[in-house]
Protein backbone atom coordinates (compact mmCIF):
# COMPACT_ATOMS: atom_id res chain seq x y z
CA MET A 1 -3.86 -12.99 -6.77
CA ASN A 2 -4.73 -14.99 -3.60
CA ARG A 3 -1.67 -14.90 -1.46
CA GLN A 4 -1.33 -18.18 0.96
CA ILE A 5 -0.10 -17.68 4.28
CA ASP A 6 1.58 -20.91 5.60
CA LYS A 7 1.84 -19.70 9.43
CA GLU A 8 3.83 -22.77 10.49
CA LYS A 9 6.50 -21.99 8.16
CA ILE A 10 6.44 -18.77 9.65
CA MET A 11 6.82 -19.91 12.86
CA LYS A 12 9.69 -22.12 12.33
CA GLY A 13 11.30 -19.60 10.76
CA VAL A 14 11.10 -17.00 13.63
CA ARG A 15 12.21 -19.71 15.84
CA LEU A 16 15.26 -20.39 13.51
CA ILE A 17 15.87 -16.56 13.63
CA LEU A 18 15.44 -16.36 17.70
CA GLU A 19 18.23 -19.24 17.47
CA GLY A 20 20.40 -17.53 15.01
CA LEU A 21 20.22 -14.35 17.62
CA GLY A 22 21.31 -16.65 20.51
CA LEU A 23 18.19 -16.41 21.99
CA ASN A 24 15.93 -19.35 23.53
CA PRO A 25 12.77 -19.92 21.92
CA GLU A 26 11.19 -21.53 24.79
CA ASP A 27 12.07 -18.71 27.06
CA GLU A 28 9.04 -16.99 28.66
CA ASN A 29 9.88 -13.95 26.97
CA TYR A 30 10.26 -15.63 23.55
CA LYS A 31 7.91 -18.61 23.55
CA GLU A 32 4.92 -16.71 21.75
CA THR A 33 7.10 -14.91 19.60
CA PRO A 34 6.90 -17.20 16.86
CA GLN A 35 3.01 -17.08 17.00
CA ARG A 36 2.79 -13.42 17.53
CA VAL A 37 4.86 -12.91 13.99
CA ALA A 38 2.85 -15.32 12.45
CA ASP A 39 -0.39 -13.65 13.01
CA PHE A 40 1.10 -10.30 12.24
CA TYR A 41 1.99 -11.52 8.72
CA GLU A 42 -1.32 -12.93 8.05
CA GLU A 43 -3.10 -9.73 9.35
CA LEU A 44 -0.62 -7.46 7.17
CA LEU A 45 -0.82 -9.23 4.14
CA SER A 46 -4.26 -10.71 3.79
CA PRO A 47 -6.57 -9.23 1.22
CA LYS A 48 -8.68 -6.35 2.38
CA ILE A 49 -11.71 -6.39 -0.08
CA THR A 50 -13.42 -8.42 -2.40
CA GLU A 51 -15.62 -7.64 -5.37
CA ASP A 52 -18.65 -7.77 -3.29
CA ASP A 53 -17.21 -4.78 -1.18
CA TYR A 54 -17.82 -2.71 -4.09
CA LYS A 55 -20.62 -0.39 -4.82
CA TYR A 56 -21.11 1.81 -7.77
CA PHE A 57 -23.06 5.07 -8.27
CA THR A 58 -23.99 7.16 -11.25
CA SER A 59 -22.31 10.32 -11.87
CA SER A 60 -20.68 12.50 -14.05
CA GLY A 61 -18.45 14.68 -11.45
CA ASP A 62 -15.18 16.29 -12.83
CA LEU A 63 -12.60 15.02 -10.29
CA VAL A 64 -12.50 12.63 -7.37
CA VAL A 65 -9.45 13.06 -5.02
CA VAL A 66 -8.91 10.87 -1.67
CA ARG A 67 -5.50 11.98 -0.18
CA ASP A 68 -3.45 10.42 3.09
CA ILE A 69 -4.61 7.10 2.74
CA LEU A 70 -2.00 5.35 5.28
CA ALA A 71 -1.20 1.98 4.70
CA TYR A 72 1.55 -0.30 5.89
CA SER A 73 3.93 -3.15 4.17
CA LEU A 74 7.06 -4.58 3.90
CA CYS A 75 9.90 -3.73 1.71
CA PRO A 76 10.80 -6.79 -0.44
CA HIS A 77 14.41 -6.60 0.06
CA HIS A 78 14.49 -6.59 3.81
CA LEU A 79 11.12 -7.15 4.98
CA LEU A 80 11.22 -4.19 7.14
CA PRO A 81 8.11 -1.69 7.40
CA VAL A 82 7.04 0.55 5.07
CA VAL A 83 4.60 3.48 5.62
CA TYR A 84 2.79 4.78 3.00
CA ARG A 85 0.73 7.81 2.20
CA VAL A 86 -1.41 7.41 -0.91
CA TYR A 87 -3.11 9.87 -2.97
CA ILE A 88 -5.56 8.80 -5.34
CA ALA A 89 -7.39 10.78 -8.19
CA TYR A 90 -9.57 9.75 -11.09
CA ILE A 91 -12.08 11.65 -13.62
CA PRO A 92 -15.65 9.25 -13.55
CA ARG A 93 -16.57 8.38 -16.52
CA GLY A 94 -20.56 7.56 -15.68
CA LYS A 95 -20.12 6.02 -12.54
CA VAL A 96 -18.26 6.35 -9.36
CA VAL A 97 -17.36 3.75 -6.60
CA GLY A 98 -17.84 4.13 -3.37
CA ILE A 99 -15.28 6.40 -1.89
CA SER A 100 -13.90 4.17 0.50
CA LYS A 101 -13.11 1.21 -1.81
CA LEU A 102 -10.26 3.73 -3.22
CA ALA A 103 -8.60 3.61 0.30
CA ARG A 104 -9.10 -0.33 0.05
CA VAL A 105 -7.40 -0.93 -2.94
CA ALA A 106 -4.51 1.15 -1.72
CA LEU A 107 -4.53 -1.18 1.73
CA ASP A 108 -5.29 -4.52 -0.32
CA GLU A 109 -2.26 -3.74 -2.63
CA ALA A 110 -0.09 -2.91 0.36
CA GLY A 111 -0.44 -6.64 1.60
CA ARG A 112 1.62 -7.43 -1.57
CA ILE A 113 5.51 -7.44 -0.68
CA THR A 114 6.86 -5.49 -3.65
CA LEU A 115 8.57 -2.53 -4.57
CA GLN A 116 6.84 0.78 -3.95
CA GLU A 117 7.18 1.71 -7.93
CA GLN A 118 4.97 -1.63 -8.86
CA TYR A 119 2.50 -0.80 -5.53
CA THR A 120 1.87 2.64 -7.37
CA GLU A 121 1.45 1.16 -10.69
CA ASN A 122 -0.83 -1.54 -9.20
CA ILE A 123 -3.30 0.70 -7.23
CA ALA A 124 -3.48 3.08 -10.48
CA SER A 125 -4.42 0.02 -12.67
CA ARG A 126 -7.12 -1.28 -10.37
CA ILE A 127 -8.61 2.16 -10.16
CA GLN A 128 -8.47 2.10 -14.02
CA GLU A 129 -10.31 -1.58 -13.76
CA LEU A 130 -12.63 -0.14 -10.75
CA THR A 131 -13.74 3.02 -12.07
CA GLY A 132 -13.43 2.06 -15.89
CA SER A 133 -11.98 5.41 -16.46
CA ASN A 134 -8.40 5.90 -17.74
CA ASP A 135 -7.79 9.43 -16.28
CA VAL A 136 -6.11 8.19 -12.95
CA MET A 137 -3.59 9.54 -10.95
CA VAL A 138 -1.73 8.14 -7.98
CA VAL A 139 0.92 9.51 -5.81
CA VAL A 140 2.33 7.49 -3.21
CA ARG A 141 4.97 8.97 -0.32
CA GLY A 142 6.80 6.37 1.48
CA GLU A 143 8.85 6.11 4.57
CA HIS A 144 10.95 3.02 4.17
CA PHE A 145 12.62 1.74 7.57
CA CYS A 146 15.42 -0.23 5.66
CA MET A 147 16.55 3.45 4.86
CA ARG A 148 16.25 4.47 8.47
CA MET A 149 17.80 1.38 10.24
CA ARG A 150 20.24 0.14 8.11
CA GLY A 151 22.56 1.17 5.10
CA VAL A 152 22.45 5.07 5.10
CA LYS A 153 20.55 5.49 8.13
CA THR A 154 18.79 8.46 6.92
CA GLN A 155 15.92 9.58 9.46
CA ASP A 156 13.63 11.80 6.88
CA ALA A 157 14.23 10.67 3.70
CA GLU A 158 11.03 9.95 1.61
CA VAL A 159 10.33 7.92 -1.45
CA VAL A 160 7.73 9.37 -3.72
CA THR A 161 6.31 7.67 -6.51
CA SER A 162 3.68 8.27 -9.19
CA ALA A 163 1.61 6.96 -11.84
CA ILE A 164 -0.10 9.27 -14.05
CA ARG A 165 -2.51 8.43 -17.00
CA GLY A 166 -4.98 9.62 -19.45
CA LYS A 167 -6.17 13.35 -19.11
CA PHE A 168 -3.66 13.58 -15.96
CA ARG A 169 -0.73 14.00 -18.19
CA ASP A 170 -1.93 17.54 -19.09
CA PHE A 171 -0.04 19.78 -17.03
CA ALA A 172 -2.84 22.45 -15.71
CA LEU A 173 -4.79 19.20 -14.89
CA ARG A 174 -2.09 17.73 -12.85
CA MET A 175 -1.05 20.81 -11.22
CA GLU A 176 -4.88 21.47 -10.27
CA THR A 177 -4.72 17.96 -8.94
CA MET A 178 -1.65 18.09 -7.02
CA ARG A 179 -2.95 21.47 -4.94
CA LEU A 180 -5.78 19.31 -4.36
CA MET A 181 -3.79 16.47 -2.61
CA GLY A 182 -1.93 18.94 -0.62
CA PHE A 183 1.18 19.24 -2.63
CA THR A 184 1.17 22.69 -3.71
CA GLU A 185 -0.56 26.01 -2.76
């Protein structure tokens, strides 16, 4: 999916928000705010990878785990920040992808404003496509600023979602993977 960002519309919207807050968009403190916000959204929500970024290697490894991938997004209900920690595991099937590409998938998917549950599923699906393996496990821990700053105003709440596919449905393998991801000892 190609995301089209219309910076002019964003800038107009930010000017309206400033006015709605009783601020003067022409004031020196706010004059460049619409442009800065539009630039921020473009940077945050633009695709991070292309198909040309993928490199494949032949391998028959048992398990690949990448953990603590930090990704930023926006919550679809309030457009407030969400900080994700992403953990990805897969069992190679004759080929492995360059390891940084797993992190790039997580970063690229974070550029889509969507629910954390869907974000997690999207990463798992893309890892399956990318690696050709049905054996994929993705765990995402999310810190939602909408929960911190409004509503219940919790400071330490964390949302955890997972997508468990293929051989990872086996309890022993799932527990070993959780240990490697740093969730258990």
